[in-house]
Amino acid sequence: MDELVEVIARSIVDNPEQVNVNKVEGSKSVILELQVAEDDMGKVIGKQGRIAKAIRTVVKAAATKEGKRVIVEIIQ
């Protein structure tokens, strides 16, 4: 899952080398913390959060196959 988020984020931002995904695993859920450069925050979130919502939807669909709940957080 974290590789998927990283590939999507790197394709969107201007500074792909500053994309970092931290994975925090629990028993039934996984939290993916997406960290990008400050200048790229708007590109990852999108207008009214549409891109962030799309990223979360894709990851959620992929996680359903594994039977886990995945939460994507965009942090600074």
C-alpha atoms as a PDB file:
ATOM      1  CA  MET A   1       0.000   0.000   0.000  1.00  0.00           C
ATOM      2  CA  ASP A   2       2.716   2.478   0.898  1.00  0.00           C
ATOM      3  CA  GLU A   3       4.405   1.954  -2.480  1.00  0.00           C
ATOM      4  CA  LEU A   4       1.120   2.744  -4.230  1.00  0.00           C
ATOM      5  CA  VAL A   5       0.694   6.020  -2.336  1.00  0.00           C
ATOM      6  CA  GLU A   6       4.325   6.928  -3.003  1.00  0.00           C
ATOM      7  CA  VAL A   7       4.051   6.313  -6.764  1.00  0.00           C
ATOM      8  CA  ILE A   8       0.850   8.351  -7.023  1.00  0.00           C
ATOM      9  CA  ALA A   9       2.281  11.238  -4.986  1.00  0.00           C
ATOM     10  CA  ARG A  10       5.585  11.301  -6.883  1.00  0.00           C
ATOM     11  CA  SER A  11       3.722  11.599 -10.183  1.00  0.00           C
ATOM     12  CA  ILE A  12       1.756  14.627  -8.938  1.00  0.00           C
ATOM     13  CA  VAL A  13       4.347  16.788  -7.162  1.00  0.00           C
ATOM     14  CA  ASP A  14       7.166  19.001  -8.463  1.00  0.00           C
ATOM     15  CA  ASN A  15       9.688  17.661  -5.925  1.00  0.00           C
ATOM     16  CA  PRO A  16       9.337  13.857  -6.062  1.00  0.00           C
ATOM     17  CA  GLU A  17      12.530  13.330  -4.037  1.00  0.00           C
ATOM     18  CA  GLN A  18      10.828  14.906  -0.994  1.00  0.00           C
ATOM     19  CA  VAL A  19       7.905  12.453  -0.965  1.00  0.00           C
ATOM     20  CA  ASN A  20       7.976  10.233   2.110  1.00  0.00           C
ATOM     21  CA  VAL A  21       5.447   7.617   3.207  1.00  0.00           C
ATOM     22  CA  ASN A  22       5.503   6.336   6.789  1.00  0.00           C
ATOM     23  CA  LYS A  23       3.552   3.167   7.552  1.00  0.00           C
ATOM     24  CA  VAL A  24       2.049   2.589  11.010  1.00  0.00           C
ATOM     25  CA  GLU A  25       0.475  -0.863  11.330  1.00  0.00           C
ATOM     26  CA  GLY A  26      -2.169  -1.964  13.779  1.00  0.00           C
ATOM     27  CA  SER A  27      -3.984  -5.267  14.119  1.00  0.00           C
ATOM     28  CA  LYS A  28      -6.814  -4.403  11.703  1.00  0.00           C
ATOM     29  CA  SER A  29      -5.817  -1.075  10.242  1.00  0.00           C
ATOM     30  CA  VAL A  30      -2.854   0.610   8.623  1.00  0.00           C
ATOM     31  CA  ILE A  31      -2.135   4.332   8.744  1.00  0.00           C
ATOM     32  CA  LEU A  32      -0.106   5.753   5.871  1.00  0.00           C
ATOM     33  CA  GLU A  33       1.375   9.170   6.563  1.00  0.00           C
ATOM     34  CA  LEU A  34       2.161  10.979   3.325  1.00  0.00           C
ATOM     35  CA  GLN A  35       4.707  13.749   3.677  1.00  0.00           C
ATOM     36  CA  VAL A  36       5.528  16.091   0.784  1.00  0.00           C
ATOM     37  CA  ALA A  37       7.328  19.405   0.348  1.00  0.00           C
ATOM     38  CA  GLU A  38       5.442  22.439   1.624  1.00  0.00           C
ATOM     39  CA  ASP A  39       5.130  23.836  -1.915  1.00  0.00           C
ATOM     40  CA  ASP A  40       3.493  20.598  -3.102  1.00  0.00           C
ATOM     41  CA  MET A  41       0.796  20.354  -0.412  1.00  0.00           C
ATOM     42  CA  GLY A  42      -1.771  22.070  -2.613  1.00  0.00           C
ATOM     43  CA  LYS A  43      -1.087  19.716  -5.500  1.00  0.00           C
ATOM     44  CA  VAL A  44      -1.552  16.615  -3.349  1.00  0.00           C
ATOM     45  CA  ILE A  45      -4.723  17.922  -1.693  1.00  0.00           C
ATOM     46  CA  GLY A  46      -6.256  19.491  -4.815  1.00  0.00           C
ATOM     47  CA  LYS A  47      -9.229  21.793  -5.105  1.00  0.00           C
ATOM     48  CA  GLN A  48     -11.660  21.088  -2.281  1.00  0.00           C
ATOM     49  CA  GLY A  49      -9.626  17.961  -1.421  1.00  0.00           C
ATOM     50  CA  ARG A  50     -10.530  16.105  -4.604  1.00  0.00           C
ATOM     51  CA  ILE A  51      -7.072  14.660  -5.299  1.00  0.00           C
ATOM     52  CA  ALA A  52      -6.616  13.601  -1.669  1.00  0.00           C
ATOM     53  CA  LYS A  53     -10.028  11.926  -1.769  1.00  0.00           C
ATOM     54  CA  ALA A  54      -9.122  10.144  -5.015  1.00  0.00           C
ATOM     55  CA  ILE A  55      -5.861   8.860  -3.510  1.00  0.00           C
ATOM     56  CA  ARG A  56      -7.744   7.578  -0.462  1.00  0.00           C
ATOM     57  CA  THR A  57     -10.346   5.873  -2.683  1.00  0.00           C
ATOM     58  CA  VAL A  58      -7.722   4.041  -4.753  1.00  0.00           C
ATOM     59  CA  VAL A  59      -5.831   2.905  -1.659  1.00  0.00           C
ATOM     60  CA  LYS A  60      -9.039   1.809   0.058  1.00  0.00           C
ATOM     61  CA  ALA A  61      -9.993  -0.293  -2.966  1.00  0.00           C
ATOM     62  CA  ALA A  62      -6.575  -1.950  -2.998  1.00  0.00           C
ATOM     63  CA  ALA A  63      -6.717  -2.564   0.767  1.00  0.00           C
ATOM     64  CA  THR A  64     -10.110  -4.254   0.555  1.00  0.00           C
ATOM     65  CA  LYS A  65      -8.453  -7.176  -1.210  1.00  0.00           C
ATOM     66  CA  GLU A  66      -6.151  -7.644   1.782  1.00  0.00           C
ATOM     67  CA  GLY A  67      -8.958  -7.320   4.308  1.00  0.00           C
ATOM     68  CA  LYS A  68      -7.400  -4.328   6.059  1.00  0.00           C
ATOM     69  CA  ARG A  69      -8.558  -0.798   6.706  1.00  0.00           C
ATOM     70  CA  VAL A  70      -6.159   1.824   5.388  1.00  0.00           C
ATOM     71  CA  ILE A  71      -6.139   5.472   6.437  1.00  0.00           C
ATOM     72  CA  VAL A  72      -4.117   7.962   4.389  1.00  0.00           C
ATOM     73  CA  GLU A  73      -3.051  11.089   6.245  1.00  0.00           C
ATOM     74  CA  ILE A  74      -1.322  13.981   4.543  1.00  0.00           C
ATOM     75  CA  ILE A  75       1.070  15.601   7.000  1.00  0.00           C
ATOM     76  CA  GLN A  76       3.602  18.408   6.863  1.00  0.00           C
END
